[in-house]
Amino acid sequence: MQKAKEAVPLAAEEAEKRVQEVRERLDQDKDGKPDVVEKALEEAKKALEEAKARLAELDQDQDGIPHRLKALSESAKKAAETAKAKAEEAARLLRERLGKDA
């Protein structure tokens, strides 16, 4: 029983040493933060900055809408207006034709 009581603190001390060794391997620059986490955070910040730069390139007037989407939207609107006008003209011609034939 005495040997078991002595073994517990020794095992705990050994476990603590191993935990400390793992921490040291994960934190090579000794700043208290695991290097893998720091690297992931740096990469995320870099990706965010790249995304912001890309958006700024696409949105030159800074209105929050990329120019290509704005141009596409305007083209779609014009196409819809043209289609509506042609449909109205076809309906008018059909009414005239039906009115003459009746």
C-alpha atoms as a PDB file:
ATOM      1  CA  MET A   1       0.000   0.000   0.000  1.00  0.00           C
ATOM      2  CA  GLN A   2       2.847   2.345   0.822  1.00  0.00           C
ATOM      3  CA  LYS A   3       4.452   1.692  -2.564  1.00  0.00           C
ATOM      4  CA  ALA A   4       1.180   2.611  -4.277  1.00  0.00           C
ATOM      5  CA  LYS A   5       0.998   5.888  -2.333  1.00  0.00           C
ATOM      6  CA  GLU A   6       4.548   6.712  -3.383  1.00  0.00           C
ATOM      7  CA  ALA A   7       3.921   5.738  -7.016  1.00  0.00           C
ATOM      8  CA  VAL A   8       0.975   8.119  -7.480  1.00  0.00           C
ATOM      9  CA  PRO A   9       2.950  11.351  -6.957  1.00  0.00           C
ATOM     10  CA  LEU A  10       5.777  10.006  -9.114  1.00  0.00           C
ATOM     11  CA  ALA A  11       3.342   9.127 -11.905  1.00  0.00           C
ATOM     12  CA  ALA A  12       1.712  12.539 -11.644  1.00  0.00           C
ATOM     13  CA  GLU A  13       5.114  14.222 -11.771  1.00  0.00           C
ATOM     14  CA  GLU A  14       6.101  12.160 -14.829  1.00  0.00           C
ATOM     15  CA  ALA A  15       2.799  12.999 -16.547  1.00  0.00           C
ATOM     16  CA  GLU A  16       3.325  16.691 -15.833  1.00  0.00           C
ATOM     17  CA  LYS A  17       6.823  16.529 -17.344  1.00  0.00           C
ATOM     18  CA  ARG A  18       5.439  14.915 -20.495  1.00  0.00           C
ATOM     19  CA  VAL A  19       2.671  17.486 -20.771  1.00  0.00           C
ATOM     20  CA  GLN A  20       5.251  20.248 -20.449  1.00  0.00           C
ATOM     21  CA  GLU A  21       7.401  18.626 -23.168  1.00  0.00           C
ATOM     22  CA  VAL A  22       4.404  18.501 -25.507  1.00  0.00           C
ATOM     23  CA  ARG A  23       3.614  22.155 -24.780  1.00  0.00           C
ATOM     24  CA  GLU A  24       7.187  23.120 -25.547  1.00  0.00           C
ATOM     25  CA  ARG A  25       7.119  21.220 -28.843  1.00  0.00           C
ATOM     26  CA  LEU A  26       3.847  22.895 -29.827  1.00  0.00           C
ATOM     27  CA  ASP A  27       5.084  26.361 -28.815  1.00  0.00           C
ATOM     28  CA  GLN A  28       8.536  26.679 -30.355  1.00  0.00           C
ATOM     29  CA  ASP A  29       8.649  30.478 -30.073  1.00  0.00           C
ATOM     30  CA  LYS A  30       7.770  30.324 -26.349  1.00  0.00           C
ATOM     31  CA  ASP A  31       4.987  32.921 -26.481  1.00  0.00           C
ATOM     32  CA  GLY A  32       2.385  30.768 -24.745  1.00  0.00           C
ATOM     33  CA  LYS A  33       0.341  30.079 -27.890  1.00  0.00           C
ATOM     34  CA  PRO A  34       0.657  26.858 -29.891  1.00  0.00           C
ATOM     35  CA  ASP A  35       2.444  27.635 -33.159  1.00  0.00           C
ATOM     36  CA  VAL A  36      -0.133  25.712 -35.211  1.00  0.00           C
ATOM     37  CA  VAL A  37      -2.907  27.943 -33.881  1.00  0.00           C
ATOM     38  CA  GLU A  38      -0.876  31.063 -34.580  1.00  0.00           C
ATOM     39  CA  LYS A  39      -0.146  29.917 -38.120  1.00  0.00           C
ATOM     40  CA  ALA A  40      -3.817  29.141 -38.779  1.00  0.00           C
ATOM     41  CA  LEU A  41      -4.801  32.576 -37.461  1.00  0.00           C
ATOM     42  CA  GLU A  42      -2.199  34.287 -39.639  1.00  0.00           C
ATOM     43  CA  GLU A  43      -3.419  32.380 -42.713  1.00  0.00           C
ATOM     44  CA  ALA A  44      -7.022  33.316 -41.954  1.00  0.00           C
ATOM     45  CA  LYS A  45      -6.066  36.993 -41.619  1.00  0.00           C
ATOM     46  CA  LYS A  46      -4.146  36.823 -44.893  1.00  0.00           C
ATOM     47  CA  ALA A  47      -7.108  35.204 -46.661  1.00  0.00           C
ATOM     48  CA  LEU A  48      -9.412  37.907 -45.297  1.00  0.00           C
ATOM     49  CA  GLU A  49      -7.125  40.663 -46.546  1.00  0.00           C
ATOM     50  CA  GLU A  50      -6.908  38.999 -49.968  1.00  0.00           C
ATOM     51  CA  ALA A  51     -10.696  38.729 -50.120  1.00  0.00           C
ATOM     52  CA  LYS A  52     -11.073  42.395 -49.178  1.00  0.00           C
ATOM     53  CA  ALA A  53      -8.553  43.387 -51.845  1.00  0.00           C
ATOM     54  CA  ARG A  54     -10.334  41.277 -54.463  1.00  0.00           C
ATOM     55  CA  LEU A  55     -13.697  42.799 -53.551  1.00  0.00           C
ATOM     56  CA  ALA A  56     -12.171  46.275 -53.807  1.00  0.00           C
ATOM     57  CA  GLU A  57     -10.932  45.384 -57.318  1.00  0.00           C
ATOM     58  CA  LEU A  58     -14.398  44.211 -58.323  1.00  0.00           C
ATOM     59  CA  ASP A  59     -16.212  47.123 -56.656  1.00  0.00           C
ATOM     60  CA  GLN A  60     -14.345  50.149 -57.952  1.00  0.00           C
ATOM     61  CA  ASP A  61     -16.947  52.732 -56.958  1.00  0.00           C
ATOM     62  CA  GLN A  62     -17.152  51.279 -53.423  1.00  0.00           C
ATOM     63  CA  ASP A  63     -20.944  50.933 -53.424  1.00  0.00           C
ATOM     64  CA  GLY A  64     -20.827  47.341 -52.183  1.00  0.00           C
ATOM     65  CA  ILE A  65     -21.862  45.814 -55.513  1.00  0.00           C
ATOM     66  CA  PRO A  66     -19.182  44.346 -57.775  1.00  0.00           C
ATOM     67  CA  HIS A  67     -19.212  46.013 -61.195  1.00  0.00           C
ATOM     68  CA  ARG A  68     -19.678  42.757 -63.093  1.00  0.00           C
ATOM     69  CA  LEU A  69     -22.803  41.948 -61.106  1.00  0.00           C
ATOM     70  CA  LYS A  70     -24.107  45.474 -61.589  1.00  0.00           C
ATOM     71  CA  ALA A  71     -23.518  45.295 -65.353  1.00  0.00           C
ATOM     72  CA  LEU A  72     -25.123  41.848 -65.518  1.00  0.00           C
ATOM     73  CA  SER A  73     -28.114  43.100 -63.546  1.00  0.00           C
ATOM     74  CA  GLU A  74     -28.520  46.091 -65.833  1.00  0.00           C
ATOM     75  CA  SER A  75     -28.278  43.869 -68.926  1.00  0.00           C
ATOM     76  CA  ALA A  76     -30.898  41.497 -67.513  1.00  0.00           C
ATOM     77  CA  LYS A  77     -33.170  44.440 -66.733  1.00  0.00           C
ATOM     78  CA  LYS A  78     -32.828  45.795 -70.275  1.00  0.00           C
ATOM     79  CA  ALA A  79     -33.484  42.332 -71.736  1.00  0.00           C
ATOM     80  CA  ALA A  80     -36.596  41.980 -69.570  1.00  0.00           C
ATOM     81  CA  GLU A  81     -37.837  45.414 -70.652  1.00  0.00           C
ATOM     82  CA  THR A  82     -37.236  44.532 -74.303  1.00  0.00           C
ATOM     83  CA  ALA A  83     -39.030  41.194 -73.913  1.00  0.00           C
ATOM     84  CA  LYS A  84     -41.948  42.948 -72.221  1.00  0.00           C
ATOM     85  CA  ALA A  85     -42.167  45.533 -75.012  1.00  0.00           C
ATOM     86  CA  LYS A  86     -42.105  42.805 -77.676  1.00  0.00           C
ATOM     87  CA  ALA A  87     -44.776  40.815 -75.839  1.00  0.00           C
ATOM     88  CA  GLU A  88     -46.947  43.926 -75.581  1.00  0.00           C
ATOM     89  CA  GLU A  89     -46.445  44.629 -79.283  1.00  0.00           C
ATOM     90  CA  ALA A  90     -47.328  41.034 -80.191  1.00  0.00           C
ATOM     91  CA  ALA A  91     -50.444  41.232 -78.024  1.00  0.00           C
ATOM     92  CA  ARG A  92     -51.453  44.514 -79.668  1.00  0.00           C
ATOM     93  CA  LEU A  93     -50.975  43.052 -83.131  1.00  0.00           C
ATOM     94  CA  LEU A  94     -52.952  39.956 -82.162  1.00  0.00           C
ATOM     95  CA  ARG A  95     -55.800  42.089 -80.818  1.00  0.00           C
ATOM     96  CA  GLU A  96     -55.818  44.125 -84.030  1.00  0.00           C
ATOM     97  CA  ARG A  97     -55.868  40.989 -86.158  1.00  0.00           C
ATOM     98  CA  LEU A  98     -58.621  39.402 -84.081  1.00  0.00           C
ATOM     99  CA  GLY A  99     -60.563  42.641 -84.182  1.00  0.00           C
ATOM    100  CA  LYS A 100     -60.372  42.767 -88.025  1.00  0.00           C
ATOM    101  CA  ASP A 101     -61.238  39.086 -88.463  1.00  0.00           C
ATOM    102  CA  ALA A 102     -64.258  39.252 -86.123  1.00  0.00           C
END
